Each structure stands twice: as structure tokens, then as C-alpha cells.
Amino acid sequence: MGNAGLEERIAANVAEIMASIAEVCWRSGRDTGSVRLVAVSKTVGLPEIDAAIAAGLSDFGENRSQDFVSRQAAFKAVNWHFIGRIQTNKVRDFVQASTEVTEATATATAGLTESTALAVAPIAALVHSVASERALLAIDRRATSLAIRQPLLIEVNTSGESTKDGVTLAGLPKLLETASNLASVSIEGLMTMAPIADTDTVRQCFSALREARDAMQASFAGSENLRLNELSMGMSDDFIPAIEEGATILRIGRGIWR
């Protein structure tokens, strides 16, 4: 996969983005280490992923379960995130990951039986996009069958757009209440997508997610499996206001691969 021109271009893009993240964190009084960059690799091939790893990236996101599984198999020593719309009949594809590296790293166990998967002590990759009770319950059932606790982010529709997935802000407490009673999921935080709009509107969507997270942390302070530390928000065009509003995970694709 050695392509010097490709590697140089991606390395330069990654360096530029990381410099911007560091600068915004400094301005906002935040530690740069509090923001994690997930490279959204759904539009590129394996050489680009290889080049991004060489540039220092260790987190990658896929939105199709088939690609998610196959790319985990190809790149076992990095962290994988499922960021796509959840189809309940595909849950077993991404809730079946194991690792011998770190708890956040996912290595595919595609093709293994459930009993074999249990034998290799699976640890789950982070799933960003739970938007309904149906998806939540399907993931909990699958995780229970594998004897793991699946880390999840709840997707929240903060823009009110009908074209976007996500639980409404009003419906979030009920979904978290359901999650708090499930033994095999861990709600690590919330995720949202801002509309293509002016900066003030985008910022309002991000601040709404942070405020919702803060309120839910207080409401579920005694819950064992609702940590709610993560805010997954901000992409290539809007990651700067996302950081300023408290993002801990950025999902960037085009800015890296351009």
C-alpha cells in the first residue's frame, strides 16, 4: 500500500486538522487530549486508511456494517466506531468485536460462532448512533449473548430536521431510562449532527446536546451504566464550534481525504 504522494497528502491534512484542534482547545481552555479525532473512512479505500494510520490516526468510523467488519479485519490495531444508521437485523455484524490490544480496539470475529466469540473474550467497539428503543434492545440482546457490555452513544436530533435520525430532546430521558435498566449496554454519551446552516444555528445544535448531556448526567447520577461523558459532534465543516461547545469526539472525513 505504499503510495508516497497519497501518504504525504493525507499526512499534511491530518497535521493541519490536528493543529486546528490544538489551537481551538487552547483558546477554549481545554486539554487537547480531551478531543478524539475519528477518521470517517466510508468514502475511501484501504490505501487511504493505511496512510492515515501512518499519519498517526488511531480511530476510524464506518457507517455500513459489512465494511465495518471487513475493515476491522484488515486493520486490527486501531479503534473502530460504527457511525451509521442501525438496522436491527445487522446488529450482530458490529456487536461481535474482540481485541487483544485495548478495550477500545475492535478486531472482527466475523465467521465465528457465538460460543467461539465468547472464548476470545470479546470487547465491543463504540457504536455512535442508537436512536430508538428498538435498536437499543436489539443491541442489548446481542451483547448479552456474547457476555459483553456494549458501549453506545445515543443519537439526538438537536436540529429538529425530519431528514435526520435521532431521538428528540424531549424523548431522550425515556430512552435513557430504558437503557439504565439494561445489563449489557453502557451509554458513554450523546451524538448529534448539525444542519448545513449558519454558524449560530450550528452552535445552538451543539450547545443543546451539551446541555442535554449535563442535565441527564445529573438525572441519572446513580446509574451504573449511564456514564454520559462523551459528546460526538463536529465534522469537517463545523468541528471548530463543536470543540468550543464541548465535543470530545470529532467525526471527520473529507477534511482528511481531500
Protein backbone atom coordinates (compact mmCIF):
# COMPACT_ATOMS: atom_id res chain seq x y z
CA MET A 1 0.00 0.00 0.00
CA GLY A 2 2.97 2.30 -0.47
CA ASN A 3 1.92 5.47 -2.25
CA ALA A 4 4.23 8.34 -1.30
CA GLY A 5 2.04 11.06 -2.81
CA LEU A 6 -1.07 9.77 -1.07
CA GLU A 7 0.74 9.44 2.24
CA GLU A 8 2.16 12.97 2.03
CA ARG A 9 -1.21 14.50 1.18
CA ILE A 10 -3.07 12.74 3.98
CA ALA A 11 -0.29 13.41 6.47
CA ALA A 12 -0.45 17.13 5.61
CA ASN A 13 -4.24 17.17 6.01
CA VAL A 14 -4.07 15.37 9.35
CA ALA A 15 -1.38 17.74 10.61
CA GLU A 16 -3.49 20.75 9.60
CA ILE A 17 -6.58 19.42 11.37
CA MET A 18 -4.66 18.49 14.50
CA ALA A 19 -3.11 21.96 14.61
CA SER A 20 -6.59 23.49 14.38
CA ILE A 21 -7.87 21.23 17.15
CA ALA A 22 -4.94 22.20 19.37
CA GLU A 23 -5.46 25.91 18.69
CA VAL A 24 -9.20 25.80 19.45
CA CYS A 25 -8.59 23.76 22.60
CA TRP A 26 -6.01 26.31 23.76
CA ARG A 27 -8.45 29.16 23.10
CA SER A 28 -11.20 27.33 24.95
CA GLY A 29 -9.08 26.37 27.93
CA ARG A 30 -9.31 22.67 27.11
CA ASP A 31 -6.70 19.92 27.08
CA THR A 32 -6.02 18.77 23.50
CA GLY A 33 -6.14 15.21 24.78
CA SER A 34 -9.82 15.66 25.66
CA VAL A 35 -10.76 15.64 21.96
CA ARG A 36 -10.56 12.45 19.90
CA LEU A 37 -10.47 12.53 16.09
CA VAL A 38 -12.36 9.73 14.32
CA ALA A 39 -11.47 9.44 10.63
CA VAL A 40 -14.67 8.67 8.73
CA SER A 41 -13.35 6.23 6.16
CA LYS A 42 -16.58 5.23 4.40
CA THR A 43 -15.65 7.00 1.14
CA VAL A 44 -12.07 5.76 0.78
CA GLY A 45 -10.15 2.55 0.20
CA LEU A 46 -7.63 0.61 2.24
CA PRO A 47 -4.59 2.60 0.99
CA GLU A 48 -6.07 5.81 2.39
CA ILE A 49 -6.72 4.17 5.75
CA ASP A 50 -3.18 2.84 5.77
CA ALA A 51 -1.85 6.34 5.06
CA ALA A 52 -3.97 7.85 7.83
CA ILE A 53 -2.62 5.31 10.31
CA ALA A 54 0.90 6.20 9.20
CA ALA A 55 -0.01 9.86 9.85
CA GLY A 56 -0.83 8.99 13.45
CA LEU A 57 -4.59 8.40 13.48
CA SER A 58 -5.90 5.51 15.55
CA ASP A 59 -9.71 5.88 15.38
CA PHE A 60 -11.81 5.14 12.29
CA GLY A 61 -15.55 5.16 11.62
CA GLU A 62 -17.70 3.20 9.19
CA ASN A 63 -21.42 3.54 8.52
CA ARG A 64 -22.07 0.19 6.80
CA SER A 65 -21.89 -2.96 8.89
CA GLN A 66 -20.28 -5.04 6.12
CA ASP A 67 -17.45 -2.52 5.67
CA PHE A 68 -17.17 -2.14 9.44
CA VAL A 69 -16.48 -5.85 9.88
CA SER A 70 -14.15 -6.26 6.89
CA ARG A 71 -12.05 -3.20 7.76
CA GLN A 72 -11.65 -4.27 11.34
CA ALA A 73 -10.23 -7.50 9.95
CA ALA A 74 -7.84 -5.56 7.70
CA PHE A 75 -6.68 -3.10 10.39
CA LYS A 76 -6.74 -4.82 13.75
CA ALA A 77 -4.58 -2.46 15.80
CA VAL A 78 -6.78 0.64 15.58
CA ASN A 79 -10.07 1.61 17.18
CA TRP A 80 -13.25 1.20 15.14
CA HIS A 81 -16.50 3.11 15.53
CA PHE A 82 -19.86 2.26 13.99
CA ILE A 83 -21.44 5.57 12.97
CA GLY A 84 -24.22 4.51 10.60
CA ARG A 85 -27.95 4.04 10.84
CA ILE A 86 -28.67 0.93 12.87
CA GLN A 87 -30.65 -1.84 11.19
CA THR A 88 -31.68 -4.30 13.86
CA ASN A 89 -31.11 -7.27 11.54
CA LYS A 90 -27.46 -6.16 11.16
CA VAL A 91 -26.71 -5.73 14.87
CA ARG A 92 -24.76 -8.99 15.07
CA ASP A 93 -22.29 -7.59 12.50
CA PHE A 94 -20.97 -4.84 14.72
CA VAL A 95 -21.80 -6.17 18.20
CA GLN A 96 -19.34 -9.04 17.94
CA ALA A 97 -15.91 -7.44 18.11
CA SER A 98 -12.95 -8.64 20.15
CA THR A 99 -9.46 -7.39 20.87
CA GLU A 100 -6.14 -8.29 22.41
CA VAL A 101 -4.83 -4.70 22.24
CA THR A 102 -7.05 -2.30 24.22
CA GLU A 103 -10.67 -2.24 25.29
CA ALA A 104 -11.41 0.40 22.66
CA THR A 105 -9.80 -1.54 19.80
CA ALA A 106 -12.08 -3.82 17.79
CA THR A 107 -10.95 -6.91 15.90
CA ALA A 108 -13.61 -8.60 13.79
CA THR A 109 -14.87 -12.03 14.77
CA ALA A 110 -16.85 -12.44 11.55
CA GLY A 111 -17.48 -16.07 10.81
CA LEU A 112 -17.05 -17.24 14.40
CA THR A 113 -19.85 -18.96 16.25
CA GLU A 114 -21.18 -17.27 19.35
CA SER A 115 -19.51 -19.87 21.56
CA THR A 116 -16.17 -19.25 19.85
CA ALA A 117 -16.60 -15.49 20.17
CA LEU A 118 -17.20 -15.92 23.88
CA ALA A 119 -14.00 -17.91 24.15
CA VAL A 120 -11.90 -14.98 22.89
CA ALA A 121 -13.42 -12.57 25.44
CA PRO A 122 -14.91 -10.01 23.04
CA ILE A 123 -14.71 -6.29 23.78
CA ALA A 124 -17.10 -4.10 21.81
CA ALA A 125 -16.31 -1.20 19.52
CA LEU A 126 -18.08 2.11 20.14
CA VAL A 127 -21.46 2.47 18.40
CA HIS A 128 -22.43 6.11 17.86
CA SER A 129 -25.95 6.06 16.52
CA VAL A 130 -28.59 4.45 18.75
CA ALA A 131 -31.74 6.41 18.02
CA SER A 132 -34.61 4.20 19.19
CA GLU A 133 -35.66 1.79 21.91
CA ARG A 134 -35.91 -0.99 19.33
CA ALA A 135 -32.24 -0.62 18.35
CA LEU A 136 -31.21 -0.32 21.99
CA LEU A 137 -32.98 -3.54 22.96
CA ALA A 138 -31.61 -5.43 19.94
CA ILE A 139 -28.06 -4.42 20.84
CA ASP A 140 -28.59 -5.38 24.48
CA ARG A 141 -29.83 -8.85 23.47
CA ARG A 142 -26.84 -9.42 21.19
CA ALA A 143 -24.36 -8.17 23.79
CA THR A 144 -25.96 -10.40 26.42
CA SER A 145 -25.49 -13.43 24.16
CA LEU A 146 -21.78 -12.57 23.92
CA ALA A 147 -21.37 -11.83 27.63
CA ILE A 148 -20.10 -8.29 26.95
CA ARG A 149 -21.22 -4.78 27.82
CA GLN A 150 -21.58 -2.84 24.56
CA PRO A 151 -20.56 0.85 24.73
CA LEU A 152 -23.03 3.12 22.94
CA LEU A 153 -23.76 6.74 22.16
CA ILE A 154 -27.37 7.88 21.88
CA GLU A 155 -28.03 9.89 18.73
CA VAL A 156 -30.06 13.03 19.43
CA ASN A 157 -31.78 15.13 16.78
CA THR A 158 -30.98 18.62 18.05
CA SER A 159 -31.84 20.40 14.79
CA GLY A 160 -35.43 19.23 14.54
CA GLU A 161 -34.92 18.27 10.88
CA SER A 162 -37.15 15.42 9.71
CA THR A 163 -34.35 14.17 7.45
CA LYS A 164 -32.07 13.43 10.40
CA ASP A 165 -32.15 10.41 12.67
CA GLY A 166 -32.04 10.65 16.43
CA VAL A 167 -34.25 10.71 19.46
CA THR A 168 -35.79 14.09 20.21
CA LEU A 169 -34.55 16.08 23.17
CA ALA A 170 -37.96 15.53 24.77
CA GLY A 171 -37.72 11.77 24.22
CA LEU A 172 -34.14 11.42 25.49
CA PRO A 173 -34.96 10.90 29.20
CA LYS A 174 -37.30 7.98 28.44
CA LEU A 175 -34.73 6.26 26.20
CA LEU A 176 -32.04 6.69 28.85
CA GLU A 177 -34.41 5.33 31.49
CA THR A 178 -34.80 2.19 29.38
CA ALA A 179 -31.04 1.95 28.94
CA SER A 180 -30.42 2.30 32.66
CA ASN A 181 -32.26 -0.97 33.25
CA LEU A 182 -30.26 -3.00 30.69
CA ALA A 183 -27.37 -5.13 31.88
CA SER A 184 -25.38 -5.38 28.64
CA VAL A 185 -25.05 -1.79 27.38
CA SER A 186 -23.07 1.17 28.62
CA ILE A 187 -24.19 4.62 27.49
CA GLU A 188 -20.96 6.55 27.11
CA GLY A 189 -22.52 9.79 25.84
CA LEU A 190 -24.54 11.50 23.14
CA MET A 191 -24.08 12.16 19.43
CA THR A 192 -25.62 14.67 17.02
CA MET A 193 -25.32 16.08 13.51
CA ALA A 194 -25.77 19.79 12.91
CA PRO A 195 -27.55 21.08 9.80
CA ILE A 196 -25.78 22.82 6.95
CA ALA A 197 -26.50 26.29 8.22
CA ASP A 198 -25.00 29.47 9.63
CA THR A 199 -22.54 29.20 12.48
CA ASP A 200 -25.02 30.40 15.11
CA THR A 201 -27.54 27.68 14.20
CA VAL A 202 -24.82 25.03 14.18
CA ARG A 203 -23.55 26.21 17.55
CA GLN A 204 -27.07 26.06 19.01
CA CYS A 205 -27.35 22.40 18.00
CA PHE A 206 -24.06 21.58 19.68
CA SER A 207 -24.80 23.56 22.84
CA ALA A 208 -28.22 21.88 23.05
CA LEU A 209 -26.50 18.47 23.07
CA ARG A 210 -24.06 19.54 25.78
CA GLU A 211 -26.85 20.99 27.92
CA ALA A 212 -28.91 17.81 27.47
CA ARG A 213 -25.92 15.69 28.46
CA ASP A 214 -25.30 17.79 31.57
CA ALA A 215 -28.94 17.55 32.61
CA MET A 216 -29.05 13.78 32.03
CA GLN A 217 -25.81 13.25 33.96
CA ALA A 218 -27.48 14.90 36.92
CA SER A 219 -30.72 12.96 36.49
CA PHE A 220 -29.00 9.58 36.22
CA ALA A 221 -26.12 10.23 38.59
CA GLY A 222 -26.65 6.93 40.40
CA SER A 223 -26.87 4.76 37.29
CA GLU A 224 -24.12 2.19 36.87
CA ASN A 225 -24.25 2.06 33.06
CA LEU A 226 -25.00 5.68 32.09
CA ARG A 227 -21.65 7.49 32.09
CA LEU A 228 -22.53 10.18 29.55
CA ASN A 229 -19.00 11.58 29.34
CA GLU A 230 -18.73 11.70 25.54
CA LEU A 231 -20.13 14.25 23.08
CA SER A 232 -19.72 13.05 19.49
CA MET A 233 -20.33 16.13 17.35
CA GLY A 234 -18.50 18.11 14.71
CA MET A 235 -17.44 17.16 11.19
CA SER A 236 -15.18 18.64 8.52
CA ASP A 237 -17.08 21.93 8.19
CA ASP A 238 -18.12 22.53 11.78
CA PHE A 239 -15.61 20.91 14.13
CA ILE A 240 -14.34 24.25 15.46
CA PRO A 241 -17.65 25.35 17.07
CA ALA A 242 -18.15 21.73 18.16
CA ILE A 243 -14.93 21.82 20.17
CA GLU A 244 -15.86 25.19 21.60
CA GLU A 245 -19.18 23.71 22.76
CA GLY A 246 -17.57 20.69 24.41
CA ALA A 247 -17.14 17.97 21.77
CA THR A 248 -15.00 15.04 22.90
CA ILE A 249 -15.24 13.09 19.61
CA LEU A 250 -15.00 14.62 16.13
CA ARG A 251 -16.10 12.66 13.05
CA ILE A 252 -14.06 13.99 10.13
CA GLY A 253 -13.90 12.53 6.64
CA ARG A 254 -13.49 14.95 3.73
CA GLY A 255 -11.01 17.14 5.60
CA ILE A 256 -8.66 14.19 5.89
CA TRP A 257 -9.04 12.61 2.45
CA ARG A 258 -9.23 15.72 0.22
